[in-house]
Each structure stands twice: as C-alpha cells, then as structure tokens.
C-alpha cells in the first residue's frame, strides 16, 4: 500500500483543504496516510491568529471520521519538511501554493541519498468571485469556507 503525506495549518478547514485531503485519502487507499499539522509556534510565525493545535487536530479528525477514515497518523510539524526528510513516502500531496516547498523537500532528499517523493499537486477550489478559496481570504471576511462571497459590513472599507 502506498504511504502518503499531506500537511498544513488547516485553519479554518475549508473546501480547498478538503479537496487536498480527499486526494491524499484516495492515493493512500484508506491506509498509510500521514497528516502533518503545523504547531502553534510554526503557524504563528506566518499568522497573527490561529486556532490552537488541539482544536485543529479535532476538526481534522471529525472530517476524516465523516469520510470513514480512521487509519491516519496525525503528526505535529515544526518546520516545512515535517517527517519527509526522515521517512519514505510514495506521495506528497500539495496545493499550488506549497508546490515549491515540495520541490525543496525532494532536493534535500536527493542530497541525503534518499529517493524523491512523487509530488501530487491538487488545484485550488475557486470561490464565487473567481479567486481561490484560502484561509487568508476567509480570515479577512471576504468569503466563507465554502467560497461564498460575504457582504462587506459598514466600516470594512470599500
């Protein structure tokens, strides 16, 4: 069975994340799936606010449970590489945003004499306004986690 890795902050868990996870589940065939979730410290280097790690893990577990996936290993990651420089994986599932990091992972693996991981890029889910769904846009109040455009409230600018 293939061993598949996918990682992220997953806050909030939106339709783009779900598509990424569904592709990873499909590749893993219900087995040997590892999901790396950024630690609070790592996430806060990029974001001012992020839900605590344990809440993000619980949200992910609930999503996977609804999909009938119980055989998953969830790991806290402290850097962009996670376990990919320590363990062998058959697939690394990424978004267009994180494809560059996947390429760096493989470059580092080759330097260390390890086999490359097959990178699978899952395209963005597009919101109603034609732009990708992203956690940044959701936090900014532009869209909801499903890609529906939210009306601007008084005092929010244009």
Protein backbone atom coordinates (compact mmCIF):
# COMPACT_ATOMS: atom_id res chain seq x y z
CA UNK A 1 0.00 0.00 0.00
CA UNK A 2 1.27 3.47 -0.77
CA UNK A 3 2.35 5.77 2.03
CA UNK A 4 1.02 9.31 1.59
CA UNK A 5 1.90 12.60 3.31
CA UNK A 6 -0.03 15.86 3.35
CA UNK A 7 0.45 18.83 5.63
CA UNK A 8 -0.84 22.24 6.54
CA UNK A 9 -2.20 24.54 9.19
CA UNK A 10 -5.82 23.64 8.37
CA UNK A 11 -7.31 26.74 9.98
CA UNK A 12 -10.05 27.11 9.12
CA UNK A 13 -10.60 23.73 7.47
CA UNK A 14 -12.12 24.84 4.15
CA UNK A 15 -13.17 23.27 0.84
CA UNK A 16 -9.66 23.57 -0.61
CA UNK A 17 -8.21 21.66 2.35
CA UNK A 18 -10.93 19.04 2.00
CA UNK A 19 -10.07 18.51 -1.68
CA UNK A 20 -6.39 18.16 -0.74
CA UNK A 21 -7.20 15.63 1.99
CA UNK A 22 -9.61 13.70 -0.24
CA UNK A 23 -6.88 13.29 -2.87
CA UNK A 24 -4.45 12.09 -0.19
CA UNK A 25 -7.07 9.61 1.08
CA UNK A 26 -7.64 8.36 -2.47
CA UNK A 27 -3.92 7.83 -3.06
CA UNK A 28 -3.47 6.08 0.30
CA UNK A 29 -6.45 3.82 -0.43
CA UNK A 30 -7.54 4.20 3.17
CA UNK A 31 -4.17 3.07 4.51
CA UNK A 32 -0.86 4.68 5.48
CA UNK A 33 -1.93 8.31 5.45
CA UNK A 34 0.08 10.81 7.44
CA UNK A 35 -1.22 14.33 8.02
CA UNK A 36 1.21 16.90 9.36
CA UNK A 37 -0.37 19.82 11.18
CA UNK A 38 1.73 22.86 11.92
CA UNK A 39 2.48 23.53 15.56
CA UNK A 40 1.05 26.70 17.09
CA UNK A 41 4.53 28.21 17.09
CA UNK A 42 5.13 27.48 13.41
CA UNK A 43 1.68 28.71 12.38
CA UNK A 44 2.03 31.93 14.34
CA UNK A 45 5.24 32.81 12.51
CA UNK A 46 3.04 33.46 9.45
CA UNK A 47 -0.31 34.23 11.03
CA UNK A 48 -1.25 36.51 13.87
CA UNK A 49 -4.14 34.33 14.97
CA UNK A 50 -4.61 30.61 14.58
CA UNK A 51 -6.81 28.17 16.46
CA UNK A 52 -4.87 26.07 18.97
CA UNK A 53 -3.24 22.94 17.61
CA UNK A 54 -5.53 20.56 19.53
CA UNK A 55 -8.66 22.18 18.06
CA UNK A 56 -7.24 21.95 14.53
CA UNK A 57 -6.47 18.27 15.15
CA UNK A 58 -10.01 17.62 16.42
CA UNK A 59 -11.54 19.39 13.40
CA UNK A 60 -9.39 17.27 11.10
CA UNK A 61 -10.29 14.05 12.92
CA UNK A 62 -14.01 14.86 12.63
CA UNK A 63 -13.65 15.46 8.88
CA UNK A 64 -11.71 12.21 8.39
CA UNK A 65 -14.20 10.28 10.54
CA UNK A 66 -17.08 11.53 8.35
CA UNK A 67 -15.11 10.17 5.36
CA UNK A 68 -14.76 6.80 7.10
CA UNK A 69 -11.01 7.24 7.55
CA UNK A 70 -9.68 6.03 10.88
CA UNK A 71 -6.26 4.74 9.82
CA UNK A 72 -4.39 8.04 9.77
CA UNK A 73 -1.35 9.27 11.63
CA UNK A 74 -1.52 12.91 12.64
CA UNK A 75 1.83 14.49 13.45
CA UNK A 76 2.74 17.91 14.76
CA UNK A 77 5.20 19.59 12.42
CA UNK A 78 7.64 22.29 13.47
CA UNK A 79 9.00 23.13 10.00
CA UNK A 80 8.03 22.90 6.33
CA UNK A 81 9.66 19.48 5.96
CA UNK A 82 7.85 17.59 8.71
CA UNK A 83 8.78 13.89 8.58
CA UNK A 84 9.59 13.93 4.85
CA UNK A 85 13.35 14.03 5.44
CA UNK A 86 13.19 11.21 7.99
CA UNK A 87 10.76 8.73 6.42
CA UNK A 88 9.99 7.41 2.97
CA UNK A 89 6.67 8.29 1.36
CA UNK A 90 5.27 7.34 -2.02
CA UNK A 91 3.28 10.55 -2.47
CA UNK A 92 3.33 14.08 -1.14
CA UNK A 93 0.05 15.89 -1.76
CA UNK A 94 0.30 19.68 -2.01
CA UNK A 95 -1.54 22.76 -3.26
CA UNK A 96 -0.13 25.08 -5.94
CA UNK A 97 0.87 27.36 -3.05
CA UNK A 98 3.05 24.70 -1.40
CA UNK A 99 4.43 23.02 -4.54
CA UNK A 100 7.70 24.97 -4.20
CA UNK A 101 8.21 23.51 -0.73
CA UNK A 102 7.60 20.00 -2.10
CA UNK A 103 10.32 20.57 -4.69
CA UNK A 104 12.71 21.73 -1.93
CA UNK A 105 11.88 18.59 0.06
CA UNK A 106 12.86 16.41 -2.89
CA UNK A 107 16.06 18.41 -3.50
CA UNK A 108 17.05 17.85 0.13
CA UNK A 109 16.12 14.16 -0.03
CA UNK A 110 18.36 13.70 -3.09
CA UNK A 111 21.25 15.45 -1.27
CA UNK A 112 20.78 12.98 1.57
CA UNK A 113 20.78 9.98 -0.78
CA UNK A 114 17.04 9.36 -0.36
CA UNK A 115 14.51 8.66 -3.11
CA UNK A 116 12.31 11.50 -4.29
CA UNK A 117 8.66 11.52 -3.28
CA UNK A 118 6.11 11.76 -6.10
CA UNK A 119 4.52 15.21 -5.77
CA UNK A 120 0.80 15.42 -6.48
CA UNK A 121 -0.48 18.98 -6.91
CA UNK A 122 -4.17 19.49 -6.17
CA UNK A 123 -5.54 22.62 -7.80
CA UNK A 124 -7.33 25.31 -5.84
CA UNK A 125 -11.08 25.36 -5.31
CA UNK A 126 -12.38 28.58 -6.80
CA UNK A 127 -14.74 30.83 -4.83
CA UNK A 128 -17.81 32.55 -6.28
CA UNK A 129 -15.70 35.57 -7.22
CA UNK A 130 -13.32 33.53 -9.38
CA UNK A 131 -10.41 33.65 -6.92
CA UNK A 132 -9.06 30.68 -4.93
CA UNK A 133 -10.51 29.83 -1.54
CA UNK A 134 -7.84 30.47 1.10
CA UNK A 135 -7.62 30.73 4.85
CA UNK A 136 -6.31 34.29 4.44
CA UNK A 137 -9.40 35.34 2.50
CA UNK A 138 -11.70 33.61 4.98
CA UNK A 139 -9.99 35.34 7.95
CA UNK A 140 -10.28 38.68 6.13
CA UNK A 141 -14.05 38.17 5.87
CA UNK A 142 -14.06 38.14 2.05
CA UNK A 143 -15.51 34.62 1.71
CA UNK A 144 -16.72 31.76 3.87
CA UNK A 145 -15.06 28.34 3.99
CA UNK A 146 -17.22 27.18 1.07
CA UNK A 147 -16.20 30.07 -1.21
CA UNK A 148 -19.36 32.12 -0.87
CA UNK A 149 -18.62 35.85 -1.09
CA UNK A 150 -19.54 37.65 2.12
CA UNK A 151 -21.12 41.06 2.10
CA UNK A 152 -18.93 43.83 3.42
CA UNK A 153 -20.12 45.29 6.70
CA UNK A 154 -20.18 49.00 7.48
CA UNK A 155 -16.70 50.12 8.47
CA UNK A 156 -14.93 47.43 6.43
CA UNK A 157 -13.90 49.75 3.65
CA UNK A 158 -14.98 49.63 0.03
